[in-house]
Amino acid sequence: MEKSKKLRIVNLTPHNIDVFLGEKKVTIPPSGIVLRAVMEKEKINEVNGIPVYVVRYKLPELPPKKEGVIYIVSSVIMLLLKAYGIHRDDMMAPDTNSAIRVNGKIIGVRGLITTR
């Protein structure tokens, strides 16, 4: 992916992504399409009457790569891509490790992350 090229950003999460670039805030609105991990759970035990489940997460169908487009996805989707050995340089997640918080609530991030 070229670093200097202007790209279209498609937010596949259900909420605005606010990115703070110094004093400037860039808001990436949701696209209306949400990419969610598929969770399957199976009850395996009980502890003091409390059910215990094993969960398995699967990737949903991914959008096709498009020239000049990057997709913002959740960190869960990024982890699943890594776990499945899938590298998509067009998929990124908000960098919540460097999140800006007010009263413990994330109000924005300073960048995006991807995996290799």
N, C-alpha and C. Protein backbone atom coordinates (compact mmCIF):
# COMPACT_ATOMS: atom_id res chain seq x y z
N MET A 1 0.84 -1.17 0.00
CA MET A 1 0.00 0.00 0.00
C MET A 1 0.89 1.24 0.00
N GLU A 2 0.60 2.17 -0.88
CA GLU A 2 1.39 3.39 -0.97
C GLU A 2 1.04 4.31 0.19
N LYS A 3 2.06 4.87 0.83
CA LYS A 3 1.85 5.71 2.00
C LYS A 3 1.31 7.09 1.65
N SER A 4 1.70 7.64 0.51
CA SER A 4 1.33 9.02 0.18
C SER A 4 0.01 9.12 -0.58
N LYS A 5 -0.52 8.04 -1.03
CA LYS A 5 -1.74 8.03 -1.82
C LYS A 5 -2.96 8.26 -0.93
N LYS A 6 -3.89 9.10 -1.39
CA LYS A 6 -5.13 9.34 -0.65
C LYS A 6 -6.03 8.12 -0.83
N LEU A 7 -6.46 7.55 0.31
CA LEU A 7 -7.28 6.34 0.28
C LEU A 7 -8.68 6.61 0.81
N ARG A 8 -9.63 5.84 0.35
CA ARG A 8 -10.98 5.88 0.90
C ARG A 8 -11.01 4.96 2.10
N ILE A 9 -11.53 5.45 3.22
CA ILE A 9 -11.59 4.66 4.45
C ILE A 9 -13.04 4.24 4.69
N VAL A 10 -13.27 2.93 4.82
CA VAL A 10 -14.60 2.38 5.07
C VAL A 10 -14.60 1.81 6.49
N ASN A 11 -15.42 2.38 7.35
CA ASN A 11 -15.50 1.97 8.75
C ASN A 11 -16.51 0.84 8.87
N LEU A 12 -16.03 -0.37 9.18
CA LEU A 12 -16.90 -1.54 9.32
C LEU A 12 -17.22 -1.84 10.78
N THR A 13 -17.15 -0.80 11.63
CA THR A 13 -17.57 -0.93 13.03
C THR A 13 -18.88 -0.16 13.18
N PRO A 14 -19.60 -0.36 14.30
CA PRO A 14 -20.90 0.30 14.44
C PRO A 14 -20.84 1.73 14.99
N HIS A 15 -19.63 2.28 15.19
CA HIS A 15 -19.55 3.61 15.79
C HIS A 15 -18.48 4.47 15.11
N ASN A 16 -18.57 5.77 15.34
CA ASN A 16 -17.56 6.69 14.82
C ASN A 16 -16.19 6.31 15.36
N ILE A 17 -15.18 6.48 14.53
CA ILE A 17 -13.80 6.35 14.97
C ILE A 17 -13.22 7.76 14.91
N ASP A 18 -12.86 8.30 16.08
CA ASP A 18 -12.26 9.63 16.16
C ASP A 18 -10.75 9.48 16.30
N VAL A 19 -10.02 10.05 15.35
CA VAL A 19 -8.57 10.00 15.34
C VAL A 19 -8.06 11.42 15.58
N PHE A 20 -7.23 11.56 16.62
CA PHE A 20 -6.66 12.86 16.95
C PHE A 20 -5.26 12.96 16.35
N LEU A 21 -5.08 13.96 15.49
CA LEU A 21 -3.81 14.23 14.83
C LEU A 21 -3.33 15.58 15.36
N GLY A 22 -2.66 15.55 16.50
CA GLY A 22 -2.30 16.80 17.17
C GLY A 22 -3.56 17.47 17.66
N GLU A 23 -3.79 18.69 17.23
CA GLU A 23 -4.99 19.44 17.64
C GLU A 23 -6.19 19.14 16.73
N LYS A 24 -5.95 18.46 15.65
CA LYS A 24 -7.01 18.16 14.68
C LYS A 24 -7.66 16.82 14.97
N LYS A 25 -8.99 16.77 14.88
CA LYS A 25 -9.72 15.50 15.06
C LYS A 25 -10.36 15.12 13.74
N VAL A 26 -10.10 13.89 13.32
CA VAL A 26 -10.71 13.34 12.11
C VAL A 26 -11.70 12.28 12.55
N THR A 27 -12.96 12.41 12.11
CA THR A 27 -13.98 11.43 12.45
C THR A 27 -14.28 10.57 11.24
N ILE A 28 -14.20 9.26 11.45
CA ILE A 28 -14.52 8.30 10.39
C ILE A 28 -15.86 7.67 10.77
N PRO A 29 -16.94 8.06 10.09
CA PRO A 29 -18.27 7.55 10.46
C PRO A 29 -18.44 6.09 10.04
N PRO A 30 -19.36 5.38 10.73
CA PRO A 30 -19.65 4.00 10.32
C PRO A 30 -20.23 3.96 8.92
N SER A 31 -19.93 2.90 8.20
CA SER A 31 -20.41 2.77 6.82
C SER A 31 -21.84 2.23 6.75
N GLY A 32 -22.32 1.68 7.87
CA GLY A 32 -23.62 1.01 7.87
C GLY A 32 -23.49 -0.50 7.73
N ILE A 33 -22.29 -0.94 7.39
CA ILE A 33 -21.99 -2.38 7.32
C ILE A 33 -21.07 -2.69 8.49
N VAL A 34 -21.44 -3.68 9.31
CA VAL A 34 -20.64 -4.04 10.47
C VAL A 34 -20.07 -5.44 10.28
N LEU A 35 -18.76 -5.55 10.40
CA LEU A 35 -18.08 -6.83 10.27
C LEU A 35 -17.86 -7.37 11.68
N ARG A 36 -18.60 -8.41 12.04
CA ARG A 36 -18.51 -8.98 13.39
C ARG A 36 -17.99 -10.41 13.33
N ALA A 37 -17.20 -10.75 14.35
CA ALA A 37 -16.75 -12.13 14.48
C ALA A 37 -17.95 -13.02 14.78
N VAL A 38 -17.94 -14.22 14.26
CA VAL A 38 -19.00 -15.18 14.52
C VAL A 38 -18.57 -16.03 15.72
N MET A 39 -19.40 -16.02 16.77
CA MET A 39 -19.06 -16.76 17.97
C MET A 39 -19.93 -18.00 18.09
N GLU A 40 -19.29 -19.12 18.33
CA GLU A 40 -20.01 -20.36 18.63
C GLU A 40 -19.62 -20.74 20.04
N LYS A 41 -20.60 -21.12 20.85
CA LYS A 41 -20.27 -21.53 22.21
C LYS A 41 -20.92 -22.87 22.53
N GLU A 42 -20.24 -23.59 23.39
CA GLU A 42 -20.70 -24.92 23.79
C GLU A 42 -20.50 -25.06 25.30
N LYS A 43 -21.56 -25.45 25.99
CA LYS A 43 -21.45 -25.64 27.43
C LYS A 43 -20.58 -26.86 27.70
N ILE A 44 -19.56 -26.67 28.54
CA ILE A 44 -18.64 -27.77 28.82
C ILE A 44 -18.64 -28.18 30.28
N ASN A 45 -19.19 -27.34 31.15
CA ASN A 45 -19.10 -27.65 32.57
C ASN A 45 -20.00 -26.69 33.35
N GLU A 46 -20.00 -26.89 34.66
CA GLU A 46 -20.62 -25.96 35.59
C GLU A 46 -19.68 -25.81 36.78
N VAL A 47 -19.62 -24.62 37.30
CA VAL A 47 -18.84 -24.35 38.51
C VAL A 47 -19.79 -23.73 39.51
N ASN A 48 -20.09 -24.49 40.58
CA ASN A 48 -21.04 -24.03 41.60
C ASN A 48 -22.37 -23.60 40.99
N GLY A 49 -22.81 -24.35 39.99
CA GLY A 49 -24.09 -24.07 39.35
C GLY A 49 -24.01 -23.03 38.24
N ILE A 50 -22.83 -22.45 38.02
CA ILE A 50 -22.65 -21.44 36.97
C ILE A 50 -22.16 -22.13 35.70
N PRO A 51 -22.90 -21.97 34.58
CA PRO A 51 -22.46 -22.63 33.35
C PRO A 51 -21.13 -22.09 32.86
N VAL A 52 -20.30 -22.99 32.34
CA VAL A 52 -19.01 -22.64 31.75
C VAL A 52 -19.06 -23.07 30.28
N TYR A 53 -18.69 -22.16 29.41
CA TYR A 53 -18.74 -22.42 27.97
C TYR A 53 -17.35 -22.33 27.36
N VAL A 54 -17.12 -23.08 26.33
CA VAL A 54 -15.94 -22.88 25.49
C VAL A 54 -16.46 -22.12 24.26
N VAL A 55 -15.71 -21.12 23.86
CA VAL A 55 -16.13 -20.33 22.70
C VAL A 55 -15.12 -20.47 21.58
N ARG A 56 -15.63 -20.43 20.37
CA ARG A 56 -14.80 -20.44 19.17
C ARG A 56 -15.26 -19.27 18.32
N TYR A 57 -14.29 -18.52 17.85
CA TYR A 57 -14.62 -17.38 17.00
C TYR A 57 -14.21 -17.68 15.57
N LYS A 58 -15.06 -17.32 14.66
CA LYS A 58 -14.78 -17.51 13.25
C LYS A 58 -14.86 -16.16 12.56
N LEU A 59 -14.09 -16.05 11.50
CA LEU A 59 -14.15 -14.83 10.70
C LEU A 59 -15.43 -14.80 9.88
N PRO A 60 -16.06 -13.65 9.79
CA PRO A 60 -17.18 -13.53 8.87
C PRO A 60 -16.63 -13.42 7.44
N GLU A 61 -17.50 -13.37 6.47
CA GLU A 61 -17.06 -13.17 5.10
C GLU A 61 -16.45 -11.78 4.99
N LEU A 62 -15.24 -11.73 4.48
CA LEU A 62 -14.53 -10.46 4.38
C LEU A 62 -14.87 -9.74 3.08
N PRO A 63 -14.87 -8.41 3.11
CA PRO A 63 -15.10 -7.69 1.86
C PRO A 63 -13.92 -7.91 0.92
N PRO A 64 -14.16 -7.84 -0.38
CA PRO A 64 -13.06 -8.02 -1.32
C PRO A 64 -12.11 -6.83 -1.25
N LYS A 65 -10.84 -7.09 -1.57
CA LYS A 65 -9.88 -5.99 -1.66
C LYS A 65 -10.28 -5.10 -2.83
N LYS A 66 -10.17 -3.77 -2.60
CA LYS A 66 -10.46 -2.81 -3.66
C LYS A 66 -9.32 -1.81 -3.72
N GLU A 67 -8.89 -1.50 -4.89
CA GLU A 67 -7.84 -0.52 -5.08
C GLU A 67 -8.24 0.81 -4.45
N GLY A 68 -7.35 1.35 -3.62
CA GLY A 68 -7.59 2.66 -3.02
C GLY A 68 -8.52 2.68 -1.82
N VAL A 69 -8.86 1.50 -1.27
CA VAL A 69 -9.79 1.42 -0.14
C VAL A 69 -9.13 0.68 1.02
N ILE A 70 -9.29 1.24 2.24
CA ILE A 70 -8.91 0.50 3.43
C ILE A 70 -10.15 0.36 4.30
N TYR A 71 -10.17 -0.70 5.10
CA TYR A 71 -11.31 -1.00 5.96
C TYR A 71 -10.88 -0.88 7.42
N ILE A 72 -11.71 -0.21 8.21
CA ILE A 72 -11.51 -0.16 9.65
C ILE A 72 -12.37 -1.26 10.25
N VAL A 73 -11.72 -2.16 11.01
CA VAL A 73 -12.42 -3.27 11.65
C VAL A 73 -12.08 -3.27 13.14
N SER A 74 -12.75 -4.12 13.89
CA SER A 74 -12.48 -4.22 15.33
C SER A 74 -11.15 -4.93 15.56
N SER A 75 -10.62 -4.77 16.77
CA SER A 75 -9.39 -5.47 17.12
C SER A 75 -9.62 -6.98 17.17
N VAL A 76 -10.83 -7.42 17.47
CA VAL A 76 -11.16 -8.85 17.46
C VAL A 76 -10.99 -9.41 16.05
N ILE A 77 -11.48 -8.69 15.06
CA ILE A 77 -11.31 -9.14 13.67
C ILE A 77 -9.82 -9.18 13.31
N MET A 78 -9.06 -8.17 13.75
CA MET A 78 -7.62 -8.17 13.48
C MET A 78 -6.94 -9.39 14.10
N LEU A 79 -7.32 -9.73 15.34
CA LEU A 79 -6.74 -10.91 16.00
C LEU A 79 -7.10 -12.19 15.25
N LEU A 80 -8.33 -12.27 14.78
CA LEU A 80 -8.74 -13.46 14.03
C LEU A 80 -8.00 -13.56 12.70
N LEU A 81 -7.81 -12.45 12.02
CA LEU A 81 -7.02 -12.47 10.79
C LEU A 81 -5.64 -13.05 11.06
N LYS A 82 -5.01 -12.57 12.13
CA LYS A 82 -3.68 -13.05 12.51
C LYS A 82 -3.72 -14.54 12.85
N ALA A 83 -4.73 -14.95 13.65
CA ALA A 83 -4.84 -16.35 14.06
C ALA A 83 -5.05 -17.28 12.86
N TYR A 84 -5.77 -16.82 11.85
CA TYR A 84 -6.02 -17.63 10.66
C TYR A 84 -4.90 -17.50 9.63
N GLY A 85 -3.88 -16.69 9.94
CA GLY A 85 -2.76 -16.53 9.02
C GLY A 85 -3.10 -15.73 7.78
N ILE A 86 -4.08 -14.85 7.91
CA ILE A 86 -4.52 -14.02 6.78
C ILE A 86 -3.92 -12.63 6.93
N HIS A 87 -3.18 -12.18 5.92
CA HIS A 87 -2.66 -10.81 5.95
C HIS A 87 -3.42 -9.98 4.93
N ARG A 88 -4.08 -8.97 5.45
CA ARG A 88 -4.79 -8.02 4.58
C ARG A 88 -4.27 -6.63 4.93
N ASP A 89 -3.43 -6.06 4.08
CA ASP A 89 -2.90 -4.74 4.37
C ASP A 89 -3.94 -3.64 4.18
N ASP A 90 -5.15 -4.03 3.74
CA ASP A 90 -6.24 -3.07 3.60
C ASP A 90 -7.16 -3.08 4.82
N MET A 91 -6.84 -3.87 5.85
CA MET A 91 -7.66 -3.93 7.06
C MET A 91 -6.85 -3.40 8.23
N MET A 92 -7.47 -2.47 8.96
CA MET A 92 -6.83 -1.84 10.10
C MET A 92 -7.83 -1.68 11.23
N ALA A 93 -7.31 -1.52 12.44
CA ALA A 93 -8.16 -1.32 13.61
C ALA A 93 -7.69 -0.06 14.33
N PRO A 94 -8.59 0.56 15.11
CA PRO A 94 -8.16 1.70 15.92
C PRO A 94 -7.09 1.26 16.92
N ASP A 95 -6.08 2.08 17.10
CA ASP A 95 -5.00 1.77 18.05
C ASP A 95 -5.44 2.16 19.45
N THR A 96 -6.20 1.28 20.08
CA THR A 96 -6.73 1.57 21.42
C THR A 96 -5.65 1.53 22.49
N ASN A 97 -4.46 1.00 22.15
CA ASN A 97 -3.36 1.02 23.10
C ASN A 97 -2.89 2.45 23.36
N SER A 98 -3.06 3.31 22.37
CA SER A 98 -2.69 4.72 22.52
C SER A 98 -3.94 5.60 22.60
N ALA A 99 -5.01 5.03 23.10
CA ALA A 99 -6.28 5.75 23.14
C ALA A 99 -6.23 6.98 24.04
N ILE A 100 -7.03 7.95 23.67
CA ILE A 100 -7.21 9.14 24.50
C ILE A 100 -8.47 8.89 25.31
N ARG A 101 -8.33 8.98 26.62
CA ARG A 101 -9.45 8.68 27.52
C ARG A 101 -9.82 9.88 28.36
N VAL A 102 -11.12 9.99 28.63
CA VAL A 102 -11.64 10.99 29.56
C VAL A 102 -12.52 10.22 30.54
N ASN A 103 -12.19 10.31 31.83
CA ASN A 103 -12.90 9.56 32.87
C ASN A 103 -12.96 8.07 32.54
N GLY A 104 -11.87 7.54 31.97
CA GLY A 104 -11.78 6.12 31.66
C GLY A 104 -12.44 5.71 30.36
N LYS A 105 -13.16 6.62 29.72
CA LYS A 105 -13.87 6.31 28.46
C LYS A 105 -13.01 6.76 27.28
N ILE A 106 -12.89 5.88 26.30
CA ILE A 106 -12.13 6.22 25.09
C ILE A 106 -12.90 7.26 24.30
N ILE A 107 -12.23 8.38 24.01
CA ILE A 107 -12.85 9.41 23.17
C ILE A 107 -12.20 9.47 21.79
N GLY A 108 -11.08 8.78 21.63
CA GLY A 108 -10.42 8.78 20.35
C GLY A 108 -9.09 8.04 20.42
N VAL A 109 -8.47 7.92 19.26
CA VAL A 109 -7.18 7.25 19.17
C VAL A 109 -6.22 8.16 18.41
N ARG A 110 -4.96 7.79 18.41
CA ARG A 110 -3.95 8.58 17.72
C ARG A 110 -3.51 7.94 16.41
N GLY A 111 -4.06 6.77 16.10
CA GLY A 111 -3.67 6.10 14.87
C GLY A 111 -4.39 4.78 14.69
N LEU A 112 -3.98 4.07 13.67
CA LEU A 112 -4.54 2.76 13.33
C LEU A 112 -3.45 1.71 13.40
N ILE A 113 -3.86 0.45 13.57
CA ILE A 113 -2.91 -0.66 13.60
C ILE A 113 -3.29 -1.69 12.54
N THR A 114 -2.27 -2.45 12.14
CA THR A 114 -2.48 -3.58 11.24
C THR A 114 -1.53 -4.68 11.68
N THR A 115 -1.64 -5.85 11.09
CA THR A 115 -0.75 -6.96 11.44
C THR A 115 0.06 -7.37 10.22
N ARG A 116 1.11 -8.10 10.47
CA ARG A 116 1.96 -8.62 9.38
C ARG A 116 2.29 -10.05 9.67
